[in-house]
Amino acid sequence: MKRVAAVDCGTNSIRLLVADVDAATGELVDLDRRMTIVRLGQGVDRTGRLAPEALERTFAACREYAAVIKEHGAERVRFVATSASRDAENRDEFVQGVLDILGVEPEVISGDQEAEFSFTGATKELAGDGGEYLVVDIGGGSTEFVVGGERVRAARSVDIGCVRMSERHVRHDPPSAEEISAIRADVDAALDLAEETVPLREPRTLVGLAGSVTTVAAIELGLERYDSAAIHRSRISYERVKEVTGALLAATHDERAAIPSMHPGRVDVIGAGALVLQSVMERTGAAEVVVSEHDILDGIAFALAALDDE
């Protein structure tokens, strides 16, 4: 077993996993798994730059994570940065700040790399039944689609994350019918693009990742607080996803914030994220989504553990 630390910095959140991992057997034991909403992608879709206040929120989380990594004595650390930092003109400022705090340079990975990590993390414990999966990772700035079984067959990243869609289209609370239609139009166009590369309708199992999906699951399960163990590997039907999405889009900010399992950082973007999930299920014809708490972090950890010792 190797002790590794994986950091995933996306558009909406930054997350840390410190774990003992055996890449050969697929065993992964969590030592610390945490998430902080930093909204790094604040305004990036409009300005093309990372905002100073967003950078400072992210660096504050990095300082906290550096202490956790040191406390656990991780042998290897990898920091992966995704959609927002891919898009930003001033990403060098972000890279230098992370390097100063954590001592590792963030890897601004491609959407296809992000998709492969997410697929590995989500399916390593499920693999072996001979079937194929469609893994959908709904992030803040982008959504990744990956099809595969024992290995990835096709992958595509498209720019329809919950933060991007909310910032681009939502001006009212709750969003107007026109705003919802505008989100759906963007999502449908992105699904057309994804389907040029990824056979979205072929796999028999849809696996959903990330905060929008897990929050919809938590609401459907009626959880009084967010409970990863209850959410992981739960199955949510299309009918219930549609009902939860409709309720979220019709709710005010205060009504969404009052949902017991709702993270405060997701209140303003959960409606768009849920709508992405609903649209994916409609496009693929999936009767249900299998919800996974194992995702890109786990994929990064497995890749770290598999590296040859120097």
C-alpha atoms as a PDB file:
ATOM      1  CA  MET A   1       0.000   0.000   0.000  1.00  0.00           C
ATOM      2  CA  LYS A   2       1.229   3.484  -0.831  1.00  0.00           C
ATOM      3  CA  ARG A   3       0.086   6.604   1.016  1.00  0.00           C
ATOM      4  CA  VAL A   4      -0.813   9.267  -1.529  1.00  0.00           C
ATOM      5  CA  ALA A   5      -2.570  12.628  -1.632  1.00  0.00           C
ATOM      6  CA  ALA A   6      -4.720  13.705  -4.558  1.00  0.00           C
ATOM      7  CA  VAL A   7      -6.083  17.227  -5.007  1.00  0.00           C
ATOM      8  CA  ASP A   8      -8.737  18.048  -7.590  1.00  0.00           C
ATOM      9  CA  CYS A   9      -9.361  21.743  -8.208  1.00  0.00           C
ATOM     10  CA  GLY A  10     -12.398  22.392 -10.353  1.00  0.00           C
ATOM     11  CA  THR A  11     -14.577  25.355 -11.222  1.00  0.00           C
ATOM     12  CA  ASN A  12     -16.709  25.248  -8.083  1.00  0.00           C
ATOM     13  CA  SER A  13     -14.810  23.218  -5.496  1.00  0.00           C
ATOM     14  CA  ILE A  14     -11.383  22.001  -4.446  1.00  0.00           C
ATOM     15  CA  ARG A  15     -11.157  18.525  -2.944  1.00  0.00           C
ATOM     16  CA  LEU A  16      -8.536  16.457  -1.175  1.00  0.00           C
ATOM     17  CA  LEU A  17      -8.107  12.701  -0.788  1.00  0.00           C
ATOM     18  CA  VAL A  18      -5.361  11.207   1.351  1.00  0.00           C
ATOM     19  CA  ALA A  19      -5.473   7.427   1.064  1.00  0.00           C
ATOM     20  CA  ASP A  20      -3.543   4.193   1.318  1.00  0.00           C
ATOM     21  CA  VAL A  21      -3.765   2.590  -2.115  1.00  0.00           C
ATOM     22  CA  ASP A  22      -2.855  -0.735  -3.697  1.00  0.00           C
ATOM     23  CA  ALA A  23      -3.044  -0.111  -7.429  1.00  0.00           C
ATOM     24  CA  ALA A  24      -2.679  -3.801  -8.265  1.00  0.00           C
ATOM     25  CA  THR A  25      -5.687  -4.982  -6.265  1.00  0.00           C
ATOM     26  CA  GLY A  26      -7.787  -1.821  -6.566  1.00  0.00           C
ATOM     27  CA  GLU A  27      -7.928  -1.420  -2.801  1.00  0.00           C
ATOM     28  CA  LEU A  28      -8.197   2.164  -1.574  1.00  0.00           C
ATOM     29  CA  VAL A  29      -8.542   3.123   2.100  1.00  0.00           C
ATOM     30  CA  ASP A  30      -9.571   6.699   2.832  1.00  0.00           C
ATOM     31  CA  LEU A  31      -7.603   8.519   5.515  1.00  0.00           C
ATOM     32  CA  ASP A  32      -9.019  11.977   4.814  1.00  0.00           C
ATOM     33  CA  ARG A  33     -11.479  13.111   2.149  1.00  0.00           C
ATOM     34  CA  ARG A  34     -12.736  16.688   2.186  1.00  0.00           C
ATOM     35  CA  MET A  35     -14.222  19.349  -0.042  1.00  0.00           C
ATOM     36  CA  THR A  36     -14.258  23.159   0.051  1.00  0.00           C
ATOM     37  CA  ILE A  37     -16.401  25.359  -2.189  1.00  0.00           C
ATOM     38  CA  VAL A  38     -14.059  28.069  -3.514  1.00  0.00           C
ATOM     39  CA  ARG A  39     -15.800  29.012  -6.797  1.00  0.00           C
ATOM     40  CA  LEU A  40     -12.468  29.374  -8.614  1.00  0.00           C
ATOM     41  CA  GLY A  41     -14.398  29.765 -11.854  1.00  0.00           C
ATOM     42  CA  GLN A  42     -16.249  32.864 -10.657  1.00  0.00           C
ATOM     43  CA  GLY A  43     -16.762  35.022 -13.751  1.00  0.00           C
ATOM     44  CA  VAL A  44     -14.317  33.072 -15.956  1.00  0.00           C
ATOM     45  CA  ASP A  45     -16.935  32.390 -18.623  1.00  0.00           C
ATOM     46  CA  ARG A  46     -17.476  36.168 -18.930  1.00  0.00           C
ATOM     47  CA  THR A  47     -14.002  37.639 -18.304  1.00  0.00           C
ATOM     48  CA  GLY A  48     -11.601  34.860 -19.267  1.00  0.00           C
ATOM     49  CA  ARG A  49      -9.638  35.484 -16.047  1.00  0.00           C
ATOM     50  CA  LEU A  50      -9.486  34.085 -12.505  1.00  0.00           C
ATOM     51  CA  ALA A  51     -10.787  36.716 -10.080  1.00  0.00           C
ATOM     52  CA  PRO A  52      -8.409  37.826  -7.271  1.00  0.00           C
ATOM     53  CA  GLU A  53     -10.923  36.904  -4.557  1.00  0.00           C
ATOM     54  CA  ALA A  54     -11.467  33.460  -6.139  1.00  0.00           C
ATOM     55  CA  LEU A  55      -7.725  32.850  -6.162  1.00  0.00           C
ATOM     56  CA  GLU A  56      -7.425  33.825  -2.496  1.00  0.00           C
ATOM     57  CA  ARG A  57     -10.269  31.482  -1.485  1.00  0.00           C
ATOM     58  CA  THR A  58      -8.502  28.688  -3.358  1.00  0.00           C
ATOM     59  CA  PHE A  59      -5.101  29.427  -1.828  1.00  0.00           C
ATOM     60  CA  ALA A  60      -6.653  29.459   1.664  1.00  0.00           C
ATOM     61  CA  ALA A  61      -8.007  25.951   1.038  1.00  0.00           C
ATOM     62  CA  CYS A  62      -4.577  24.875  -0.267  1.00  0.00           C
ATOM     63  CA  ARG A  63      -2.958  26.019   2.973  1.00  0.00           C
ATOM     64  CA  GLU A  64      -5.448  23.908   4.942  1.00  0.00           C
ATOM     65  CA  TYR A  65      -4.826  20.897   2.699  1.00  0.00           C
ATOM     66  CA  ALA A  66      -1.036  21.264   2.976  1.00  0.00           C
ATOM     67  CA  ALA A  67      -1.334  20.835   6.746  1.00  0.00           C
ATOM     68  CA  VAL A  68      -3.502  17.716   6.351  1.00  0.00           C
ATOM     69  CA  ILE A  69      -1.094  16.163   3.834  1.00  0.00           C
ATOM     70  CA  LYS A  70       1.853  16.800   6.150  1.00  0.00           C
ATOM     71  CA  GLU A  71      -0.020  15.385   9.142  1.00  0.00           C
ATOM     72  CA  HIS A  72      -0.720  12.101   7.344  1.00  0.00           C
ATOM     73  CA  GLY A  73       2.752  11.831   5.819  1.00  0.00           C
ATOM     74  CA  ALA A  74       1.699  11.217   2.217  1.00  0.00           C
ATOM     75  CA  GLU A  75       4.565   9.848   0.097  1.00  0.00           C
ATOM     76  CA  ARG A  76       3.311  11.345  -3.143  1.00  0.00           C
ATOM     77  CA  VAL A  77       1.130  14.347  -3.956  1.00  0.00           C
ATOM     78  CA  ARG A  78      -0.574  15.210  -7.224  1.00  0.00           C
ATOM     79  CA  PHE A  79      -2.626  18.350  -7.854  1.00  0.00           C
ATOM     80  CA  VAL A  80      -4.920  18.310 -10.864  1.00  0.00           C
ATOM     81  CA  ALA A  81      -6.676  21.437 -12.077  1.00  0.00           C
ATOM     82  CA  THR A  82      -9.620  21.230 -14.420  1.00  0.00           C
ATOM     83  CA  SER A  83     -12.052  23.440 -16.314  1.00  0.00           C
ATOM     84  CA  ALA A  84     -11.687  26.956 -14.842  1.00  0.00           C
ATOM     85  CA  SER A  85      -7.904  26.960 -14.904  1.00  0.00           C
ATOM     86  CA  ARG A  86      -7.874  25.583 -18.452  1.00  0.00           C
ATOM     87  CA  ASP A  87      -9.910  28.569 -19.603  1.00  0.00           C
ATOM     88  CA  ALA A  88      -8.193  31.414 -17.708  1.00  0.00           C
ATOM     89  CA  GLU A  89      -5.705  33.854 -19.228  1.00  0.00           C
ATOM     90  CA  ASN A  90      -3.952  34.343 -15.864  1.00  0.00           C
ATOM     91  CA  ARG A  91      -3.598  30.674 -14.964  1.00  0.00           C
ATOM     92  CA  ASP A  92       0.164  31.197 -14.373  1.00  0.00           C
ATOM     93  CA  GLU A  93      -0.735  33.168 -11.242  1.00  0.00           C
ATOM     94  CA  PHE A  94      -2.782  30.198 -10.043  1.00  0.00           C
ATOM     95  CA  VAL A  95       0.003  27.720 -10.826  1.00  0.00           C
ATOM     96  CA  GLN A  96       2.633  29.725  -8.930  1.00  0.00           C
ATOM     97  CA  GLY A  97       0.398  30.160  -5.883  1.00  0.00           C
ATOM     98  CA  VAL A  98      -0.251  26.432  -5.605  1.00  0.00           C
ATOM     99  CA  LEU A  99       3.435  25.634  -6.073  1.00  0.00           C
ATOM    100  CA  ASP A 100       4.389  28.045  -3.291  1.00  0.00           C
ATOM    101  CA  ILE A 101       1.876  26.520  -0.848  1.00  0.00           C
ATOM    102  CA  LEU A 102       1.892  22.787  -1.629  1.00  0.00           C
ATOM    103  CA  GLY A 103       5.297  22.352  -3.222  1.00  0.00           C
ATOM    104  CA  VAL A 104       3.843  20.678  -6.302  1.00  0.00           C
ATOM    105  CA  GLU A 105       2.900  22.260  -9.589  1.00  0.00           C
ATOM    106  CA  PRO A 106      -0.753  21.874 -10.530  1.00  0.00           C
ATOM    107  CA  GLU A 107      -1.304  19.926 -13.714  1.00  0.00           C
ATOM    108  CA  VAL A 108      -3.830  21.732 -15.864  1.00  0.00           C
ATOM    109  CA  ILE A 109      -5.149  18.606 -17.538  1.00  0.00           C
ATOM    110  CA  SER A 110      -7.220  18.250 -20.676  1.00  0.00           C
ATOM    111  CA  GLY A 111     -10.871  17.318 -20.595  1.00  0.00           C
ATOM    112  CA  ASP A 112      -9.997  13.884 -21.963  1.00  0.00           C
ATOM    113  CA  GLN A 113      -7.472  13.295 -19.155  1.00  0.00           C
ATOM    114  CA  GLU A 114     -10.071  14.442 -16.634  1.00  0.00           C
ATOM    115  CA  ALA A 115     -12.551  12.004 -18.128  1.00  0.00           C
ATOM    116  CA  GLU A 116     -10.146   9.071 -17.865  1.00  0.00           C
ATOM    117  CA  PHE A 117      -9.331   9.769 -14.206  1.00  0.00           C
ATOM    118  CA  SER A 118     -13.038  10.062 -13.404  1.00  0.00           C
ATOM    119  CA  PHE A 119     -13.811   6.791 -15.184  1.00  0.00           C
ATOM    120  CA  THR A 120     -11.063   4.896 -13.346  1.00  0.00           C
ATOM    121  CA  GLY A 121     -12.124   6.267  -9.978  1.00  0.00           C
ATOM    122  CA  ALA A 122     -15.796   5.527 -10.521  1.00  0.00           C
ATOM    123  CA  THR A 123     -15.598   2.068 -12.047  1.00  0.00           C
ATOM    124  CA  LYS A 124     -12.562   0.311 -10.517  1.00  0.00           C
ATOM    125  CA  GLU A 125     -14.746  -1.261  -7.832  1.00  0.00           C
ATOM    126  CA  LEU A 126     -17.507  -2.062 -10.361  1.00  0.00           C
ATOM    127  CA  ALA A 127     -15.357  -3.517 -13.129  1.00  0.00           C
ATOM    128  CA  GLY A 128     -15.333  -7.197 -13.913  1.00  0.00           C
ATOM    129  CA  ASP A 129     -18.939  -7.918 -14.827  1.00  0.00           C
ATOM    130  CA  GLY A 130     -18.206  -7.673 -18.544  1.00  0.00           C
ATOM    131  CA  GLY A 131     -20.519  -4.731 -19.134  1.00  0.00           C
ATOM    132  CA  GLU A 132     -19.812  -1.194 -20.239  1.00  0.00           C
ATOM    133  CA  TYR A 133     -20.528   2.015 -18.356  1.00  0.00           C
ATOM    134  CA  LEU A 134     -21.314   5.547 -19.351  1.00  0.00           C
ATOM    135  CA  VAL A 135     -19.698   7.711 -16.684  1.00  0.00           C
ATOM    136  CA  VAL A 136     -20.960  11.294 -16.513  1.00  0.00           C
ATOM    137  CA  ASP A 137     -19.039  13.755 -14.333  1.00  0.00           C
ATOM    138  CA  ILE A 138     -21.027  17.002 -13.994  1.00  0.00           C
ATOM    139  CA  GLY A 139     -18.607  19.666 -12.813  1.00  0.00           C
ATOM    140  CA  GLY A 140     -18.785  23.409 -12.374  1.00  0.00           C
ATOM    141  CA  GLY A 141     -17.375  24.409 -15.747  1.00  0.00           C
ATOM    142  CA  SER A 142     -17.581  21.243 -17.806  1.00  0.00           C
ATOM    143  CA  THR A 143     -19.112  17.791 -17.983  1.00  0.00           C
ATOM    144  CA  GLU A 144     -17.149  14.696 -18.939  1.00  0.00           C
ATOM    145  CA  PHE A 145     -18.626  11.703 -20.753  1.00  0.00           C
ATOM    146  CA  VAL A 146     -16.708   8.431 -20.771  1.00  0.00           C
ATOM    147  CA  VAL A 147     -17.691   5.012 -22.138  1.00  0.00           C
ATOM    148  CA  GLY A 148     -15.763   1.875 -21.323  1.00  0.00           C
ATOM    149  CA  GLY A 149     -15.583  -1.434 -19.509  1.00  0.00           C
ATOM    150  CA  GLU A 150     -12.183  -2.697 -18.410  1.00  0.00           C
ATOM    151  CA  ARG A 151     -10.702   0.371 -20.117  1.00  0.00           C
ATOM    152  CA  VAL A 152     -11.877   3.630 -21.648  1.00  0.00           C
ATOM    153  CA  ARG A 153     -13.303   3.283 -25.166  1.00  0.00           C
ATOM    154  CA  ALA A 154     -14.324   6.894 -25.819  1.00  0.00           C
ATOM    155  CA  ALA A 155     -14.342  10.176 -23.910  1.00  0.00           C
ATOM    156  CA  ARG A 156     -15.370  13.791 -24.443  1.00  0.00           C
ATOM    157  CA  SER A 157     -15.467  16.908 -22.273  1.00  0.00           C
ATOM    158  CA  VAL A 158     -17.992  19.659 -23.044  1.00  0.00           C
ATOM    159  CA  ASP A 159     -18.550  23.079 -21.466  1.00  0.00           C
ATOM    160  CA  ILE A 160     -21.867  22.589 -19.641  1.00  0.00           C
ATOM    161  CA  GLY A 161     -21.005  22.726 -15.947  1.00  0.00           C
ATOM    162  CA  CYS A 162     -23.453  23.899 -13.281  1.00  0.00           C
ATOM    163  CA  VAL A 163     -21.571  27.144 -12.562  1.00  0.00           C
ATOM    164  CA  ARG A 164     -21.056  27.990 -16.234  1.00  0.00           C
ATOM    165  CA  MET A 165     -24.736  27.409 -17.076  1.00  0.00           C
ATOM    166  CA  SER A 166     -25.942  29.379 -14.047  1.00  0.00           C
ATOM    167  CA  GLU A 167     -23.670  32.354 -14.675  1.00  0.00           C
ATOM    168  CA  ARG A 168     -24.430  32.376 -18.388  1.00  0.00           C
ATOM    169  CA  HIS A 169     -28.210  32.146 -18.234  1.00  0.00           C
ATOM    170  CA  VAL A 170     -29.788  32.661 -14.799  1.00  0.00           C
ATOM    171  CA  ARG A 171     -30.818  36.198 -13.823  1.00  0.00           C
ATOM    172  CA  HIS A 172     -33.945  35.513 -11.760  1.00  0.00           C
ATOM    173  CA  ASP A 173     -34.700  33.548  -8.589  1.00  0.00           C
ATOM    174  CA  PRO A 174     -36.172  31.101  -9.304  1.00  0.00           C
ATOM    175  CA  PRO A 175     -35.054  31.017 -12.951  1.00  0.00           C
ATOM    176  CA  SER A 176     -37.617  31.972 -15.573  1.00  0.00           C
ATOM    177  CA  ALA A 177     -38.972  29.548 -18.175  1.00  0.00           C
ATOM    178  CA  GLU A 178     -36.872  31.355 -20.798  1.00  0.00           C
ATOM    179  CA  GLU A 179     -33.704  30.921 -18.717  1.00  0.00           C
ATOM    180  CA  ILE A 180     -34.400  27.231 -18.211  1.00  0.00           C
ATOM    181  CA  SER A 181     -34.977  26.846 -21.952  1.00  0.00           C
ATOM    182  CA  ALA A 182     -31.673  28.584 -22.661  1.00  0.00           C
ATOM    183  CA  ILE A 183     -29.829  26.155 -20.371  1.00  0.00           C
ATOM    184  CA  ARG A 184     -31.526  23.200 -22.042  1.00  0.00           C
ATOM    185  CA  ALA A 185     -30.570  24.492 -25.482  1.00  0.00           C
ATOM    186  CA  ASP A 186     -26.896  24.760 -24.455  1.00  0.00           C
ATOM    187  CA  VAL A 187     -26.984  21.300 -22.896  1.00  0.00           C
ATOM    188  CA  ASP A 188     -28.648  19.746 -25.942  1.00  0.00           C
ATOM    189  CA  ALA A 189     -26.041  21.300 -28.241  1.00  0.00           C
ATOM    190  CA  ALA A 190     -23.244  20.008 -26.005  1.00  0.00           C
ATOM    191  CA  LEU A 191     -24.771  16.528 -25.972  1.00  0.00           C
ATOM    192  CA  ASP A 192     -24.825  16.593 -29.786  1.00  0.00           C
ATOM    193  CA  LEU A 193     -21.114  17.433 -29.653  1.00  0.00           C
ATOM    194  CA  ALA A 194     -20.353  14.700 -27.108  1.00  0.00           C
ATOM    195  CA  GLU A 195     -22.259  12.152 -29.162  1.00  0.00           C
ATOM    196  CA  GLU A 196     -19.935  12.755 -32.122  1.00  0.00           C
ATOM    197  CA  THR A 197     -17.222  11.014 -30.089  1.00  0.00           C
ATOM    198  CA  VAL A 198     -18.941   9.011 -27.358  1.00  0.00           C
ATOM    199  CA  PRO A 199     -21.728   6.450 -28.012  1.00  0.00           C
ATOM    200  CA  LEU A 200     -23.945   7.787 -25.240  1.00  0.00           C
ATOM    201  CA  ARG A 201     -26.831   5.396 -25.890  1.00  0.00           C
ATOM    202  CA  GLU A 202     -24.903   2.100 -26.001  1.00  0.00           C
ATOM    203  CA  PRO A 203     -23.877   1.295 -22.383  1.00  0.00           C
ATOM    204  CA  ARG A 204     -26.492  -0.291 -20.179  1.00  0.00           C
ATOM    205  CA  THR A 205     -25.309   1.387 -16.947  1.00  0.00           C
ATOM    206  CA  LEU A 206     -25.190   5.152 -16.355  1.00  0.00           C
ATOM    207  CA  VAL A 207     -22.870   6.195 -13.510  1.00  0.00           C
ATOM    208  CA  GLY A 208     -23.185   9.781 -12.240  1.00  0.00           C
ATOM    209  CA  LEU A 209     -20.430  11.668 -10.424  1.00  0.00           C
ATOM    210  CA  ALA A 210     -19.816  14.947  -8.598  1.00  0.00           C
ATOM    211  CA  GLY A 211     -21.783  17.345  -6.435  1.00  0.00           C
ATOM    212  CA  SER A 212     -24.810  18.004  -8.620  1.00  0.00           C
ATOM    213  CA  VAL A 213     -25.520  14.273  -8.919  1.00  0.00           C
ATOM    214  CA  THR A 214     -24.819  13.422  -5.280  1.00  0.00           C
ATOM    215  CA  THR A 215     -26.953  16.340  -4.084  1.00  0.00           C
ATOM    216  CA  VAL A 216     -29.903  15.184  -6.199  1.00  0.00           C
ATOM    217  CA  ALA A 217     -29.408  11.720  -4.687  1.00  0.00           C
ATOM    218  CA  ALA A 218     -29.277  13.108  -1.142  1.00  0.00           C
ATOM    219  CA  ILE A 219     -32.550  14.972  -1.721  1.00  0.00           C
ATOM    220  CA  GLU A 220     -34.237  11.920  -3.231  1.00  0.00           C
ATOM    221  CA  LEU A 221     -33.066   9.762  -0.319  1.00  0.00           C
ATOM    222  CA  GLY A 222     -34.502  12.292   2.149  1.00  0.00           C
ATOM    223  CA  LEU A 223     -31.249  12.603   4.085  1.00  0.00           C
ATOM    224  CA  GLU A 224     -31.243  14.904   7.089  1.00  0.00           C
ATOM    225  CA  ARG A 225     -27.572  15.575   6.443  1.00  0.00           C
ATOM    226  CA  TYR A 226     -25.164  14.752   3.654  1.00  0.00           C
ATOM    227  CA  ASP A 227     -24.131  11.097   4.096  1.00  0.00           C
ATOM    228  CA  SER A 228     -21.556   9.767   1.610  1.00  0.00           C
ATOM    229  CA  ALA A 229     -22.052   6.160   2.666  1.00  0.00           C
ATOM    230  CA  ALA A 230     -25.809   6.316   2.017  1.00  0.00           C
ATOM    231  CA  ILE A 231     -25.354   8.110  -1.303  1.00  0.00           C
ATOM    232  CA  HIS A 232     -22.586   5.917  -2.730  1.00  0.00           C
ATOM    233  CA  ARG A 233     -23.981   3.302  -5.152  1.00  0.00           C
ATOM    234  CA  SER A 234     -27.551   4.458  -4.647  1.00  0.00           C
ATOM    235  CA  ARG A 235     -29.823   4.210  -7.689  1.00  0.00           C
ATOM    236  CA  ILE A 236     -32.115   7.087  -8.625  1.00  0.00           C
ATOM    237  CA  SER A 237     -34.798   6.621 -11.259  1.00  0.00           C
ATOM    238  CA  TYR A 238     -35.285   9.042 -14.141  1.00  0.00           C
ATOM    239  CA  GLU A 239     -38.759   9.897 -12.842  1.00  0.00           C
ATOM    240  CA  ARG A 240     -37.357  10.954  -9.471  1.00  0.00           C
ATOM    241  CA  VAL A 241     -34.480  12.900 -11.045  1.00  0.00           C
ATOM    242  CA  LYS A 242     -37.048  14.794 -13.120  1.00  0.00           C
ATOM    243  CA  GLU A 243     -39.198  15.511 -10.045  1.00  0.00           C
ATOM    244  CA  VAL A 244     -36.262  16.704  -7.923  1.00  0.00           C
ATOM    245  CA  THR A 245     -34.954  18.859 -10.775  1.00  0.00           C
ATOM    246  CA  GLY A 246     -38.351  20.459 -11.307  1.00  0.00           C
ATOM    247  CA  ALA A 247     -38.657  21.214  -7.595  1.00  0.00           C
ATOM    248  CA  LEU A 248     -35.164  22.758  -7.453  1.00  0.00           C
ATOM    249  CA  LEU A 249     -35.817  24.953 -10.482  1.00  0.00           C
ATOM    250  CA  ALA A 250     -39.110  26.152  -8.994  1.00  0.00           C
ATOM    251  CA  ALA A 251     -37.635  26.882  -5.546  1.00  0.00           C
ATOM    252  CA  THR A 252     -36.265  30.179  -4.292  1.00  0.00           C
ATOM    253  CA  HIS A 253     -32.750  30.605  -2.952  1.00  0.00           C
ATOM    254  CA  ASP A 254     -34.000  30.383   0.639  1.00  0.00           C
ATOM    255  CA  GLU A 255     -36.046  27.263  -0.088  1.00  0.00           C
ATOM    256  CA  ARG A 256     -33.058  25.523  -1.670  1.00  0.00           C
ATOM    257  CA  ALA A 257     -30.797  26.608   1.186  1.00  0.00           C
ATOM    258  CA  ALA A 258     -33.241  25.083   3.684  1.00  0.00           C
ATOM    259  CA  ILE A 259     -32.828  21.577   2.221  1.00  0.00           C
ATOM    260  CA  PRO A 260     -30.979  19.670   4.990  1.00  0.00           C
ATOM    261  CA  SER A 261     -28.442  17.948   2.712  1.00  0.00           C
ATOM    262  CA  MET A 262     -27.678  21.041   0.611  1.00  0.00           C
ATOM    263  CA  HIS A 263     -24.142  22.429   0.782  1.00  0.00           C
ATOM    264  CA  PRO A 264     -24.292  26.252   0.969  1.00  0.00           C
ATOM    265  CA  GLY A 265     -21.904  26.528  -1.970  1.00  0.00           C
ATOM    266  CA  ARG A 266     -24.295  24.623  -4.250  1.00  0.00           C
ATOM    267  CA  VAL A 267     -27.468  26.585  -3.530  1.00  0.00           C
ATOM    268  CA  ASP A 268     -27.104  28.941  -6.503  1.00  0.00           C
ATOM    269  CA  VAL A 269     -26.011  26.332  -9.064  1.00  0.00           C
ATOM    270  CA  ILE A 270     -27.797  23.088  -8.169  1.00  0.00           C
ATOM    271  CA  GLY A 271     -30.786  23.753 -10.442  1.00  0.00           C
ATOM    272  CA  ALA A 272     -28.602  23.934 -13.538  1.00  0.00           C
ATOM    273  CA  GLY A 273     -26.578  20.900 -12.453  1.00  0.00           C
ATOM    274  CA  ALA A 274     -29.694  18.811 -11.895  1.00  0.00           C
ATOM    275  CA  LEU A 275     -31.016  19.894 -15.292  1.00  0.00           C
ATOM    276  CA  VAL A 276     -27.822  18.648 -16.933  1.00  0.00           C
ATOM    277  CA  LEU A 277     -28.343  15.249 -15.284  1.00  0.00           C
ATOM    278  CA  GLN A 278     -31.999  15.101 -16.347  1.00  0.00           C
ATOM    279  CA  SER A 279     -31.069  16.019 -19.927  1.00  0.00           C
ATOM    280  CA  VAL A 280     -28.389  13.336 -20.055  1.00  0.00           C
ATOM    281  CA  MET A 281     -30.865  10.699 -18.889  1.00  0.00           C
ATOM    282  CA  GLU A 282     -33.370  11.817 -21.507  1.00  0.00           C
ATOM    283  CA  ARG A 283     -30.762  11.693 -24.270  1.00  0.00           C
ATOM    284  CA  THR A 284     -29.478   8.253 -23.289  1.00  0.00           C
ATOM    285  CA  GLY A 285     -32.809   6.737 -22.327  1.00  0.00           C
ATOM    286  CA  ALA A 286     -31.382   5.673 -18.957  1.00  0.00           C
ATOM    287  CA  ALA A 287     -34.059   4.441 -16.573  1.00  0.00           C
ATOM    288  CA  GLU A 288     -31.823   5.158 -13.578  1.00  0.00           C
ATOM    289  CA  VAL A 289     -28.458   6.571 -12.584  1.00  0.00           C
ATOM    290  CA  VAL A 290     -26.015   4.781 -10.290  1.00  0.00           C
ATOM    291  CA  VAL A 291     -24.534   7.461  -8.035  1.00  0.00           C
ATOM    292  CA  SER A 292     -20.852   7.187  -7.151  1.00  0.00           C
ATOM    293  CA  GLU A 293     -18.865   9.040  -4.510  1.00  0.00           C
ATOM    294  CA  HIS A 294     -15.698   7.655  -6.114  1.00  0.00           C
ATOM    295  CA  ASP A 295     -14.504   9.881  -8.907  1.00  0.00           C
ATOM    296  CA  ILE A 296     -11.546  11.815 -10.287  1.00  0.00           C
ATOM    297  CA  LEU A 297      -9.845  11.941  -6.865  1.00  0.00           C
ATOM    298  CA  ASP A 298      -9.789   8.153  -6.678  1.00  0.00           C
ATOM    299  CA  GLY A 299      -8.516   7.960 -10.256  1.00  0.00           C
ATOM    300  CA  ILE A 300      -5.656  10.331  -9.455  1.00  0.00           C
ATOM    301  CA  ALA A 301      -4.812   8.322  -6.323  1.00  0.00           C
ATOM    302  CA  PHE A 302      -4.686   5.043  -8.279  1.00  0.00           C
ATOM    303  CA  ALA A 303      -2.426   6.651 -10.896  1.00  0.00           C
ATOM    304  CA  LEU A 304      -0.092   7.950  -8.164  1.00  0.00           C
ATOM    305  CA  ALA A 305       0.101   4.571  -6.463  1.00  0.00           C
ATOM    306  CA  ALA A 306       0.905   2.857  -9.768  1.00  0.00           C
ATOM    307  CA  LEU A 307       3.997   4.969 -10.406  1.00  0.00           C
ATOM    308  CA  ASP A 308       7.256   3.080 -10.200  1.00  0.00           C
ATOM    309  CA  ASP A 309       9.384   3.944  -7.206  1.00  0.00           C
ATOM    310  CA  GLU A 310      12.262   6.145  -8.167  1.00  0.00           C
END
